[in-house]
Amino acid sequence: MSFPHTNEGFFVYRGVDSRSARITIERYPQITKSRKRLNFYHVPGRMGDVVTWDGGYDNINISYKVWFTPGWRTGGVRETIAEAATRINDWLSGIGGLNDGVGNGYHILYDNYCLEERVGNTEYPYLREAVFVGPLIIESTYNEIGSATITFSCKPQLYGENEFRAQNIGMNQSNPSAQQSYTFIGNRGYVAKPLITLYRSGIVDFKYTTDEEWKSIRLYISDEGWPICIDCEDETYYHIDDEGNKIAYGAGDQSVSAGFPVIPDPGVDGNEPPAKMLIIRFRNTGSETTTPDQATIIPRRFVL
């Protein structure tokens, strides 16, 4: 995702640009970094507390202070402030079936303030997984302009432009019998847990450069059951319905050997061994010829 540089503030959530909702950003959120989930324990007679870390990070709240003006209804009738507020709330809350395919209740959020980089006049935003927390409280000026603070609860990860873009891991189309593999190198200091989607029955094989043994996930999908998501973060299989809800996968055969694949911390620094990486491929469960887009992976590499 990218866009030309502009001084006009906006954010995009559930695939909808705030400008199309007649929203103007009055104040951007602060750039906030997540904190480690630390536990403090008091020990009688001991100076100071004992601190432990559970390995996770807290969600952060991102808030946009905005104002908006009413739009027009069918027939050229101007909205009231209350109607405009309902329209905006329906979008943010997902009423009416809006869905960008992330599931989990989280959806993609980005803006033209928190940027990964700028190349010439093109800006590349960091992407977040976010959910609108509400409530939407509107203040009105002369019943013509509404103002509010829109708050999202966001996972701590910041994703680059391509990390939510599906990449094919299917068969070699010019030679379907070949075992074509794909390599993914992670970001230093973090372990990424990808989302794999199968559009037909198949076997996902994976290994790491530090472990030459192939491991596998095998799924048999009935004709009405696809696509199936293999979520390596939640370690679950599921469909996503039209409302963005997860539907647990329970039909057909499935088997997993040695866990779910991850994109490891490459661990390269100075004289360290060669970078660790994920090598992954997709195989048929039968004799049918497949095409590359019948299995995809969303890497979900990130920084904090």
C-alpha atoms as a PDB file:
ATOM      1  CA  MET A   1       0.000   0.000   0.000  1.00  0.00           C
ATOM      2  CA  SER A   2       1.322   3.401  -0.920  1.00  0.00           C
ATOM      3  CA  PHE A   3       0.041   6.853  -1.787  1.00  0.00           C
ATOM      4  CA  PRO A   4       1.345  10.245  -2.965  1.00  0.00           C
ATOM      5  CA  HIS A   5       2.582  12.577  -0.248  1.00  0.00           C
ATOM      6  CA  THR A   6      -0.162  14.864   1.005  1.00  0.00           C
ATOM      7  CA  ASN A   7      -0.596  17.250   3.899  1.00  0.00           C
ATOM      8  CA  GLU A   8      -4.270  16.316   4.075  1.00  0.00           C
ATOM      9  CA  GLY A   9      -4.629  13.931   6.998  1.00  0.00           C
ATOM     10  CA  PHE A  10      -6.478  10.635   6.626  1.00  0.00           C
ATOM     11  CA  PHE A  11      -6.658   7.095   7.924  1.00  0.00           C
ATOM     12  CA  VAL A  12      -7.916   3.892   6.288  1.00  0.00           C
ATOM     13  CA  TYR A  13      -9.805   1.236   8.267  1.00  0.00           C
ATOM     14  CA  ARG A  14     -11.670  -1.814   6.958  1.00  0.00           C
ATOM     15  CA  GLY A  15     -10.640  -0.679   3.484  1.00  0.00           C
ATOM     16  CA  VAL A  16     -12.473   2.679   3.778  1.00  0.00           C
ATOM     17  CA  ASP A  17     -10.638   6.019   3.559  1.00  0.00           C
ATOM     18  CA  SER A  18     -11.742   8.496   6.239  1.00  0.00           C
ATOM     19  CA  ARG A  19     -11.900  11.264   3.609  1.00  0.00           C
ATOM     20  CA  SER A  20     -14.680   9.411   1.803  1.00  0.00           C
ATOM     21  CA  ALA A  21     -16.654   9.579   5.071  1.00  0.00           C
ATOM     22  CA  ARG A  22     -16.248  13.402   5.076  1.00  0.00           C
ATOM     23  CA  ILE A  23     -13.896  13.200   8.069  1.00  0.00           C
ATOM     24  CA  THR A  24     -11.123  15.720   8.686  1.00  0.00           C
ATOM     25  CA  ILE A  25      -8.363  14.858  11.170  1.00  0.00           C
ATOM     26  CA  GLU A  26      -7.844  17.662  13.654  1.00  0.00           C
ATOM     27  CA  ARG A  27      -5.135  15.910  15.669  1.00  0.00           C
ATOM     28  CA  TYR A  28      -3.153  12.775  14.875  1.00  0.00           C
ATOM     29  CA  PRO A  29      -2.448  10.199  17.592  1.00  0.00           C
ATOM     30  CA  GLN A  30       0.849  10.168  19.398  1.00  0.00           C
ATOM     31  CA  ILE A  31       3.382   7.629  18.169  1.00  0.00           C
ATOM     32  CA  THR A  32       3.143   5.031  20.910  1.00  0.00           C
ATOM     33  CA  LYS A  33       5.309   1.959  21.389  1.00  0.00           C
ATOM     34  CA  SER A  34       3.923  -1.047  23.222  1.00  0.00           C
ATOM     35  CA  ARG A  35       5.213  -2.040  26.629  1.00  0.00           C
ATOM     36  CA  LYS A  36       6.323  -5.480  27.699  1.00  0.00           C
ATOM     37  CA  ARG A  37       3.836  -7.361  29.878  1.00  0.00           C
ATOM     38  CA  LEU A  38       5.781  -7.295  33.131  1.00  0.00           C
ATOM     39  CA  ASN A  39       4.724  -8.828  36.418  1.00  0.00           C
ATOM     40  CA  PHE A  40       5.958  -7.367  39.695  1.00  0.00           C
ATOM     41  CA  TYR A  41       6.129  -9.449  42.850  1.00  0.00           C
ATOM     42  CA  HIS A  42       6.724  -8.187  46.375  1.00  0.00           C
ATOM     43  CA  VAL A  43       9.064 -10.338  48.439  1.00  0.00           C
ATOM     44  CA  PRO A  44       8.912  -9.699  52.205  1.00  0.00           C
ATOM     45  CA  GLY A  45      12.163  -8.296  53.521  1.00  0.00           C
ATOM     46  CA  ARG A  46      13.602  -7.710  50.071  1.00  0.00           C
ATOM     47  CA  MET A  47      14.524  -4.300  48.691  1.00  0.00           C
ATOM     48  CA  GLY A  48      12.626  -3.710  45.456  1.00  0.00           C
ATOM     49  CA  ASP A  49      10.328  -6.001  43.504  1.00  0.00           C
ATOM     50  CA  VAL A  50      11.010  -9.139  41.492  1.00  0.00           C
ATOM     51  CA  VAL A  51      10.173  -8.550  37.822  1.00  0.00           C
ATOM     52  CA  THR A  52       9.262 -11.227  35.275  1.00  0.00           C
ATOM     53  CA  TRP A  53       8.240 -10.920  31.620  1.00  0.00           C
ATOM     54  CA  ASP A  54       5.714 -13.302  30.063  1.00  0.00           C
ATOM     55  CA  GLY A  55       7.174 -12.755  26.566  1.00  0.00           C
ATOM     56  CA  GLY A  56       4.223 -10.695  25.290  1.00  0.00           C
ATOM     57  CA  TYR A  57       3.399  -7.045  24.653  1.00  0.00           C
ATOM     58  CA  ASP A  58       0.248  -5.087  25.463  1.00  0.00           C
ATOM     59  CA  ASN A  59      -2.130  -3.639  22.897  1.00  0.00           C
ATOM     60  CA  ILE A  60      -1.908   0.117  22.427  1.00  0.00           C
ATOM     61  CA  ASN A  61      -4.700   2.649  21.888  1.00  0.00           C
ATOM     62  CA  ILE A  62      -4.552   4.880  18.812  1.00  0.00           C
ATOM     63  CA  SER A  63      -6.922   7.881  18.885  1.00  0.00           C
ATOM     64  CA  TYR A  64      -7.786  10.384  16.136  1.00  0.00           C
ATOM     65  CA  LYS A  65      -9.467  13.652  17.096  1.00  0.00           C
ATOM     66  CA  VAL A  66     -11.691  14.467  14.114  1.00  0.00           C
ATOM     67  CA  TRP A  67     -14.527  16.601  12.859  1.00  0.00           C
ATOM     68  CA  PHE A  68     -16.962  15.799  10.075  1.00  0.00           C
ATOM     69  CA  THR A  69     -19.769  17.352   8.065  1.00  0.00           C
ATOM     70  CA  PRO A  70     -23.032  15.696   6.939  1.00  0.00           C
ATOM     71  CA  GLY A  71     -23.249  14.266   3.443  1.00  0.00           C
ATOM     72  CA  TRP A  72     -26.223  13.763   1.147  1.00  0.00           C
ATOM     73  CA  ARG A  73     -28.809  11.011   1.068  1.00  0.00           C
ATOM     74  CA  THR A  74     -30.434   9.621  -2.077  1.00  0.00           C
ATOM     75  CA  GLY A  75     -32.618  12.253  -3.690  1.00  0.00           C
ATOM     76  CA  GLY A  76     -30.369  15.167  -2.766  1.00  0.00           C
ATOM     77  CA  VAL A  77     -31.529  15.368   0.869  1.00  0.00           C
ATOM     78  CA  ARG A  78     -28.832  16.503   3.289  1.00  0.00           C
ATOM     79  CA  GLU A  79     -27.985  14.234   6.221  1.00  0.00           C
ATOM     80  CA  THR A  80     -28.500  15.339   9.795  1.00  0.00           C
ATOM     81  CA  ILE A  81     -25.583  15.189  12.225  1.00  0.00           C
ATOM     82  CA  ALA A  82     -27.198  12.118  13.827  1.00  0.00           C
ATOM     83  CA  GLU A  83     -27.473  10.347  10.454  1.00  0.00           C
ATOM     84  CA  ALA A  84     -23.839  11.114   9.631  1.00  0.00           C
ATOM     85  CA  ALA A  85     -22.779   9.829  13.052  1.00  0.00           C
ATOM     86  CA  THR A  86     -24.711   6.585  12.459  1.00  0.00           C
ATOM     87  CA  ARG A  87     -23.096   6.145   9.042  1.00  0.00           C
ATOM     88  CA  ILE A  88     -19.600   6.592  10.502  1.00  0.00           C
ATOM     89  CA  ASN A  89     -20.319   4.321  13.458  1.00  0.00           C
ATOM     90  CA  ASP A  90     -21.669   1.587  11.132  1.00  0.00           C
ATOM     91  CA  TRP A  91     -18.435   1.703   9.123  1.00  0.00           C
ATOM     92  CA  LEU A  92     -16.167   1.587  12.183  1.00  0.00           C
ATOM     93  CA  SER A  93     -18.214  -1.135  13.891  1.00  0.00           C
ATOM     94  CA  GLY A  94     -18.568  -3.285  10.783  1.00  0.00           C
ATOM     95  CA  ILE A  95     -22.352  -3.086  10.605  1.00  0.00           C
ATOM     96  CA  GLY A  96     -23.455  -4.033   7.107  1.00  0.00           C
ATOM     97  CA  GLY A  97     -20.858  -6.711   6.350  1.00  0.00           C
ATOM     98  CA  LEU A  98     -17.736  -4.652   5.636  1.00  0.00           C
ATOM     99  CA  ASN A  99     -14.724  -6.941   5.941  1.00  0.00           C
ATOM    100  CA  ASP A 100     -11.107  -6.817   4.772  1.00  0.00           C
ATOM    101  CA  GLY A 101     -10.416 -10.502   5.351  1.00  0.00           C
ATOM    102  CA  VAL A 102      -8.207 -10.350   8.436  1.00  0.00           C
ATOM    103  CA  GLY A 103     -10.742 -11.964  10.762  1.00  0.00           C
ATOM    104  CA  ASN A 104     -10.186 -12.186  14.520  1.00  0.00           C
ATOM    105  CA  GLY A 105     -12.173  -8.977  15.033  1.00  0.00           C
ATOM    106  CA  TYR A 106      -9.055  -7.059  13.921  1.00  0.00           C
ATOM    107  CA  HIS A 107      -8.837  -5.181  10.622  1.00  0.00           C
ATOM    108  CA  ILE A 108      -6.119  -3.256   8.821  1.00  0.00           C
ATOM    109  CA  LEU A 109      -5.545   0.355   9.947  1.00  0.00           C
ATOM    110  CA  TYR A 110      -3.044   2.790   8.488  1.00  0.00           C
ATOM    111  CA  ASP A 111      -2.666   6.546   8.024  1.00  0.00           C
ATOM    112  CA  ASN A 112      -0.372   9.122   6.415  1.00  0.00           C
ATOM    113  CA  TYR A 113       1.341   9.904   9.714  1.00  0.00           C
ATOM    114  CA  CYS A 114       2.939   6.641  10.889  1.00  0.00           C
ATOM    115  CA  LEU A 115       5.091   5.838   7.857  1.00  0.00           C
ATOM    116  CA  GLU A 116       7.542   3.052   7.139  1.00  0.00           C
ATOM    117  CA  GLU A 117       9.356   5.166   4.570  1.00  0.00           C
ATOM    118  CA  ARG A 118       9.035   7.869   1.916  1.00  0.00           C
ATOM    119  CA  VAL A 119      10.559   7.417  -1.540  1.00  0.00           C
ATOM    120  CA  GLY A 120      10.397  10.578  -3.602  1.00  0.00           C
ATOM    121  CA  ASN A 121       6.776  11.697  -3.442  1.00  0.00           C
ATOM    122  CA  THR A 122       5.473   8.229  -2.502  1.00  0.00           C
ATOM    123  CA  GLU A 123       4.722   7.292   1.097  1.00  0.00           C
ATOM    124  CA  TYR A 124       4.538   3.755   2.476  1.00  0.00           C
ATOM    125  CA  PRO A 125       2.612   3.437   5.731  1.00  0.00           C
ATOM    126  CA  TYR A 126       3.045   1.011   8.555  1.00  0.00           C
ATOM    127  CA  LEU A 127       0.015  -1.273   8.826  1.00  0.00           C
ATOM    128  CA  ARG A 128      -1.618  -2.221  12.116  1.00  0.00           C
ATOM    129  CA  GLU A 129      -4.149  -4.832  13.146  1.00  0.00           C
ATOM    130  CA  ALA A 130      -6.797  -2.773  14.906  1.00  0.00           C
ATOM    131  CA  VAL A 131     -10.338  -2.906  16.225  1.00  0.00           C
ATOM    132  CA  PHE A 132     -12.605   0.089  16.878  1.00  0.00           C
ATOM    133  CA  VAL A 133     -13.410   0.163  20.595  1.00  0.00           C
ATOM    134  CA  GLY A 134     -15.992   2.982  20.819  1.00  0.00           C
ATOM    135  CA  PRO A 135     -18.251   4.395  21.917  1.00  0.00           C
ATOM    136  CA  LEU A 136     -18.478   7.131  19.295  1.00  0.00           C
ATOM    137  CA  ILE A 137     -19.454  10.299  21.196  1.00  0.00           C
ATOM    138  CA  ILE A 138     -20.357  13.261  18.995  1.00  0.00           C
ATOM    139  CA  GLU A 139     -20.273  16.945  19.877  1.00  0.00           C
ATOM    140  CA  SER A 140     -22.073  19.288  17.493  1.00  0.00           C
ATOM    141  CA  THR A 141     -21.349  22.879  16.486  1.00  0.00           C
ATOM    142  CA  TYR A 142     -24.513  24.698  15.324  1.00  0.00           C
ATOM    143  CA  ASN A 143     -25.857  21.284  14.237  1.00  0.00           C
ATOM    144  CA  GLU A 144     -23.636  21.591  11.149  1.00  0.00           C
ATOM    145  CA  ILE A 145     -20.255  20.147  12.181  1.00  0.00           C
ATOM    146  CA  GLY A 146     -19.714  17.095  14.373  1.00  0.00           C
ATOM    147  CA  SER A 147     -16.548  16.383  16.343  1.00  0.00           C
ATOM    148  CA  ALA A 148     -15.395  13.200  18.046  1.00  0.00           C
ATOM    149  CA  THR A 149     -12.407  11.133  19.126  1.00  0.00           C
ATOM    150  CA  ILE A 150     -12.114   7.807  17.297  1.00  0.00           C
ATOM    151  CA  THR A 151     -10.128   5.215  19.239  1.00  0.00           C
ATOM    152  CA  PHE A 152      -8.733   1.865  18.082  1.00  0.00           C
ATOM    153  CA  SER A 153      -7.134  -0.890  20.124  1.00  0.00           C
ATOM    154  CA  CYS A 154      -4.143  -2.100  18.110  1.00  0.00           C
ATOM    155  CA  LYS A 155      -1.823  -5.048  18.310  1.00  0.00           C
ATOM    156  CA  PRO A 156       1.737  -3.833  18.977  1.00  0.00           C
ATOM    157  CA  GLN A 157       3.184  -5.036  15.668  1.00  0.00           C
ATOM    158  CA  LEU A 158       3.931  -2.625  12.816  1.00  0.00           C
ATOM    159  CA  TYR A 159       3.851  -4.281   9.404  1.00  0.00           C
ATOM    160  CA  GLY A 160       5.491  -3.170   6.162  1.00  0.00           C
ATOM    161  CA  GLU A 161       3.773  -2.733   2.828  1.00  0.00           C
ATOM    162  CA  ASN A 162       3.995  -6.345   1.630  1.00  0.00           C
ATOM    163  CA  GLU A 163       3.397  -8.193   4.874  1.00  0.00           C
ATOM    164  CA  PHE A 164      -0.373  -8.534   4.358  1.00  0.00           C
ATOM    165  CA  ARG A 165      -0.085  -9.216   0.642  1.00  0.00           C
ATOM    166  CA  ALA A 166      -0.734 -12.854  -0.259  1.00  0.00           C
ATOM    167  CA  GLN A 167       2.155 -14.542  -2.041  1.00  0.00           C
ATOM    168  CA  ASN A 168       1.778 -17.776  -3.995  1.00  0.00           C
ATOM    169  CA  ILE A 169       3.412 -20.909  -2.622  1.00  0.00           C
ATOM    170  CA  GLY A 170       1.712 -23.272  -5.075  1.00  0.00           C
ATOM    171  CA  MET A 171       3.119 -25.619  -7.665  1.00  0.00           C
ATOM    172  CA  ASN A 172       5.387 -24.707 -10.543  1.00  0.00           C
ATOM    173  CA  GLN A 173       2.839 -23.940 -13.277  1.00  0.00           C
ATOM    174  CA  SER A 174       5.214 -24.777 -16.136  1.00  0.00           C
ATOM    175  CA  ASN A 175       6.138 -28.071 -14.471  1.00  0.00           C
ATOM    176  CA  PRO A 176       3.394 -29.066 -11.986  1.00  0.00           C
ATOM    177  CA  SER A 177       5.195 -32.218 -10.899  1.00  0.00           C
ATOM    178  CA  ALA A 178       8.232 -30.236  -9.684  1.00  0.00           C
ATOM    179  CA  GLN A 179       8.568 -29.544  -5.982  1.00  0.00           C
ATOM    180  CA  GLN A 180       9.014 -25.786  -6.077  1.00  0.00           C
ATOM    181  CA  SER A 181       9.900 -24.226  -2.728  1.00  0.00           C
ATOM    182  CA  TYR A 182       9.854 -20.626  -1.499  1.00  0.00           C
ATOM    183  CA  THR A 183      12.154 -18.976   1.023  1.00  0.00           C
ATOM    184  CA  PHE A 184      11.244 -16.334   3.615  1.00  0.00           C
ATOM    185  CA  ILE A 185      13.768 -14.441   5.744  1.00  0.00           C
ATOM    186  CA  GLY A 186      12.485 -12.694   8.862  1.00  0.00           C
ATOM    187  CA  ASN A 187      13.250  -9.411  10.599  1.00  0.00           C
ATOM    188  CA  ARG A 188      16.097  -9.331  13.122  1.00  0.00           C
ATOM    189  CA  GLY A 189      14.869  -9.754  16.674  1.00  0.00           C
ATOM    190  CA  TYR A 190      11.366 -11.054  15.866  1.00  0.00           C
ATOM    191  CA  VAL A 191       9.653 -14.314  14.936  1.00  0.00           C
ATOM    192  CA  ALA A 192       6.839 -13.862  12.392  1.00  0.00           C
ATOM    193  CA  LYS A 193       3.853 -16.216  12.364  1.00  0.00           C
ATOM    194  CA  PRO A 194       2.315 -16.271   8.885  1.00  0.00           C
ATOM    195  CA  LEU A 195      -1.206 -16.882   7.617  1.00  0.00           C
ATOM    196  CA  ILE A 196      -1.423 -19.648   4.993  1.00  0.00           C
ATOM    197  CA  THR A 197      -4.546 -20.149   2.870  1.00  0.00           C
ATOM    198  CA  LEU A 198      -5.367 -23.311   0.918  1.00  0.00           C
ATOM    199  CA  TYR A 199      -7.882 -23.158  -1.915  1.00  0.00           C
ATOM    200  CA  ARG A 200      -7.911 -26.927  -2.431  1.00  0.00           C
ATOM    201  CA  SER A 201      -6.759 -30.031  -0.556  1.00  0.00           C
ATOM    202  CA  GLY A 202      -3.021 -30.201  -0.163  1.00  0.00           C
ATOM    203  CA  ILE A 203       0.059 -30.614   1.991  1.00  0.00           C
ATOM    204  CA  VAL A 204       2.147 -27.711   3.268  1.00  0.00           C
ATOM    205  CA  ASP A 205       5.760 -28.801   3.787  1.00  0.00           C
ATOM    206  CA  PHE A 206       8.235 -26.640   5.657  1.00  0.00           C
ATOM    207  CA  LYS A 207      11.732 -26.709   7.082  1.00  0.00           C
ATOM    208  CA  TYR A 208      14.392 -24.306   8.331  1.00  0.00           C
ATOM    209  CA  THR A 209      18.000 -23.872   7.307  1.00  0.00           C
ATOM    210  CA  THR A 210      19.059 -25.089  10.749  1.00  0.00           C
ATOM    211  CA  ASP A 211      16.858 -28.197  10.460  1.00  0.00           C
ATOM    212  CA  GLU A 212      16.870 -30.074   7.150  1.00  0.00           C
ATOM    213  CA  GLU A 213      13.964 -32.347   8.079  1.00  0.00           C
ATOM    214  CA  TRP A 214      10.719 -31.560   6.248  1.00  0.00           C
ATOM    215  CA  LYS A 215       7.658 -31.161   8.469  1.00  0.00           C
ATOM    216  CA  SER A 216       4.119 -31.032   7.117  1.00  0.00           C
ATOM    217  CA  ILE A 217       0.509 -29.959   7.547  1.00  0.00           C
ATOM    218  CA  ARG A 218      -1.999 -32.033   5.563  1.00  0.00           C
ATOM    219  CA  LEU A 219      -5.569 -30.887   4.977  1.00  0.00           C
ATOM    220  CA  TYR A 220      -8.323 -32.556   2.990  1.00  0.00           C
ATOM    221  CA  ILE A 221     -10.951 -29.953   2.090  1.00  0.00           C
ATOM    222  CA  SER A 222     -14.423 -30.841   0.893  1.00  0.00           C
ATOM    223  CA  ASP A 223     -15.715 -29.019  -2.191  1.00  0.00           C
ATOM    224  CA  GLU A 224     -17.865 -26.674  -0.122  1.00  0.00           C
ATOM    225  CA  GLY A 225     -15.272 -26.220   2.609  1.00  0.00           C
ATOM    226  CA  TRP A 226     -12.590 -24.074   1.019  1.00  0.00           C
ATOM    227  CA  PRO A 227     -10.721 -21.826   1.383  1.00  0.00           C
ATOM    228  CA  ILE A 228      -9.123 -22.865   4.675  1.00  0.00           C
ATOM    229  CA  CYS A 229      -6.818 -20.572   6.650  1.00  0.00           C
ATOM    230  CA  ILE A 230      -3.866 -22.034   8.560  1.00  0.00           C
ATOM    231  CA  ASP A 231      -3.141 -19.377  11.177  1.00  0.00           C
ATOM    232  CA  CYS A 232       0.329 -19.997  12.570  1.00  0.00           C
ATOM    233  CA  GLU A 233      -0.170 -17.340  15.242  1.00  0.00           C
ATOM    234  CA  ASP A 234      -3.316 -18.872  16.735  1.00  0.00           C
ATOM    235  CA  GLU A 235      -2.289 -22.408  15.643  1.00  0.00           C
ATOM    236  CA  THR A 236      -5.783 -23.031  14.290  1.00  0.00           C
ATOM    237  CA  TYR A 237      -7.588 -23.833  11.028  1.00  0.00           C
ATOM    238  CA  TYR A 238     -10.687 -21.902  10.009  1.00  0.00           C
ATOM    239  CA  HIS A 239     -12.854 -20.400   7.269  1.00  0.00           C
ATOM    240  CA  ILE A 240     -13.676 -16.675   7.270  1.00  0.00           C
ATOM    241  CA  ASP A 241     -17.306 -15.898   6.480  1.00  0.00           C
ATOM    242  CA  ASP A 242     -18.666 -12.802   4.730  1.00  0.00           C
ATOM    243  CA  GLU A 243     -18.855 -10.967   8.068  1.00  0.00           C
ATOM    244  CA  GLY A 244     -15.177 -11.599   8.844  1.00  0.00           C
ATOM    245  CA  ASN A 245     -15.941 -14.191  11.523  1.00  0.00           C
ATOM    246  CA  LYS A 246     -13.889 -17.337  11.996  1.00  0.00           C
ATOM    247  CA  ILE A 247     -15.681 -20.634  11.408  1.00  0.00           C
ATOM    248  CA  ALA A 248     -13.752 -23.522  12.919  1.00  0.00           C
ATOM    249  CA  TYR A 249     -12.624 -26.185  10.455  1.00  0.00           C
ATOM    250  CA  GLY A 250     -13.625 -29.643  11.589  1.00  0.00           C
ATOM    251  CA  ALA A 251     -14.516 -31.651   8.493  1.00  0.00           C
ATOM    252  CA  GLY A 252     -12.188 -33.905   6.533  1.00  0.00           C
ATOM    253  CA  ASP A 253      -8.711 -35.156   7.380  1.00  0.00           C
ATOM    254  CA  GLN A 254      -5.999 -33.079   8.946  1.00  0.00           C
ATOM    255  CA  SER A 255      -2.631 -33.766  10.465  1.00  0.00           C
ATOM    256  CA  VAL A 256       0.274 -31.678  11.706  1.00  0.00           C
ATOM    257  CA  SER A 257       3.842 -32.803  12.338  1.00  0.00           C
ATOM    258  CA  ALA A 258       6.111 -30.776  14.613  1.00  0.00           C
ATOM    259  CA  GLY A 259       3.946 -27.680  14.983  1.00  0.00           C
ATOM    260  CA  PHE A 260       3.136 -24.768  12.682  1.00  0.00           C
ATOM    261  CA  PRO A 261       5.711 -22.974  10.491  1.00  0.00           C
ATOM    262  CA  VAL A 262       7.143 -19.599  11.494  1.00  0.00           C
ATOM    263  CA  ILE A 263       9.545 -17.164   9.839  1.00  0.00           C
ATOM    264  CA  PRO A 264      12.440 -17.183  12.322  1.00  0.00           C
ATOM    265  CA  ASP A 265      14.667 -14.407  13.562  1.00  0.00           C
ATOM    266  CA  PRO A 266      17.508 -14.560  10.997  1.00  0.00           C
ATOM    267  CA  GLY A 267      20.088 -14.079  13.763  1.00  0.00           C
ATOM    268  CA  VAL A 268      22.863 -12.707  11.526  1.00  0.00           C
ATOM    269  CA  ASP A 269      25.415 -10.465  13.169  1.00  0.00           C
ATOM    270  CA  GLY A 270      29.156 -10.423  12.657  1.00  0.00           C
ATOM    271  CA  ASN A 271      30.549 -13.944  12.662  1.00  0.00           C
ATOM    272  CA  GLU A 272      27.259 -15.721  13.377  1.00  0.00           C
ATOM    273  CA  PRO A 273      26.206 -18.681  11.177  1.00  0.00           C
ATOM    274  CA  PRO A 274      24.195 -18.097   7.972  1.00  0.00           C
ATOM    275  CA  ALA A 275      20.745 -16.568   8.404  1.00  0.00           C
ATOM    276  CA  LYS A 276      17.915 -18.753   9.622  1.00  0.00           C
ATOM    277  CA  MET A 277      15.006 -18.843   7.195  1.00  0.00           C
ATOM    278  CA  LEU A 278      11.743 -20.611   6.456  1.00  0.00           C
ATOM    279  CA  ILE A 279      11.564 -22.829   3.356  1.00  0.00           C
ATOM    280  CA  ILE A 280       8.010 -23.775   2.406  1.00  0.00           C
ATOM    281  CA  ARG A 281       6.182 -25.581  -0.402  1.00  0.00           C
ATOM    282  CA  PHE A 282       2.729 -26.908  -1.311  1.00  0.00           C
ATOM    283  CA  ARG A 283       2.056 -30.451  -2.573  1.00  0.00           C
ATOM    284  CA  ASN A 284      -0.974 -32.247  -4.022  1.00  0.00           C
ATOM    285  CA  THR A 285      -2.875 -34.762  -1.946  1.00  0.00           C
ATOM    286  CA  GLY A 286      -3.707 -36.693  -5.103  1.00  0.00           C
ATOM    287  CA  SER A 287      -2.953 -36.805  -8.814  1.00  0.00           C
ATOM    288  CA  GLU A 288      -4.705 -33.541  -9.769  1.00  0.00           C
ATOM    289  CA  THR A 289      -2.682 -30.727 -11.293  1.00  0.00           C
ATOM    290  CA  THR A 290      -2.653 -27.566  -9.201  1.00  0.00           C
ATOM    291  CA  THR A 291      -1.796 -23.964  -9.984  1.00  0.00           C
ATOM    292  CA  PRO A 292       0.312 -21.577  -7.878  1.00  0.00           C
ATOM    293  CA  ASP A 293      -2.593 -19.504  -6.556  1.00  0.00           C
ATOM    294  CA  GLN A 294      -4.177 -22.546  -4.895  1.00  0.00           C
ATOM    295  CA  ALA A 295      -1.959 -21.965  -1.883  1.00  0.00           C
ATOM    296  CA  THR A 296      -0.847 -18.570  -0.573  1.00  0.00           C
ATOM    297  CA  ILE A 297       1.051 -17.173   2.389  1.00  0.00           C
ATOM    298  CA  ILE A 298       0.757 -13.774   4.096  1.00  0.00           C
ATOM    299  CA  PRO A 299       4.142 -13.385   5.831  1.00  0.00           C
ATOM    300  CA  ARG A 300       3.188 -10.944   8.645  1.00  0.00           C
ATOM    301  CA  ARG A 301       6.818  -9.957   9.336  1.00  0.00           C
ATOM    302  CA  PHE A 302       6.873  -6.984  11.696  1.00  0.00           C
ATOM    303  CA  VAL A 303       8.760  -4.567  13.918  1.00  0.00           C
ATOM    304  CA  LEU A 304       7.628  -3.035  17.205  1.00  0.00           C
END
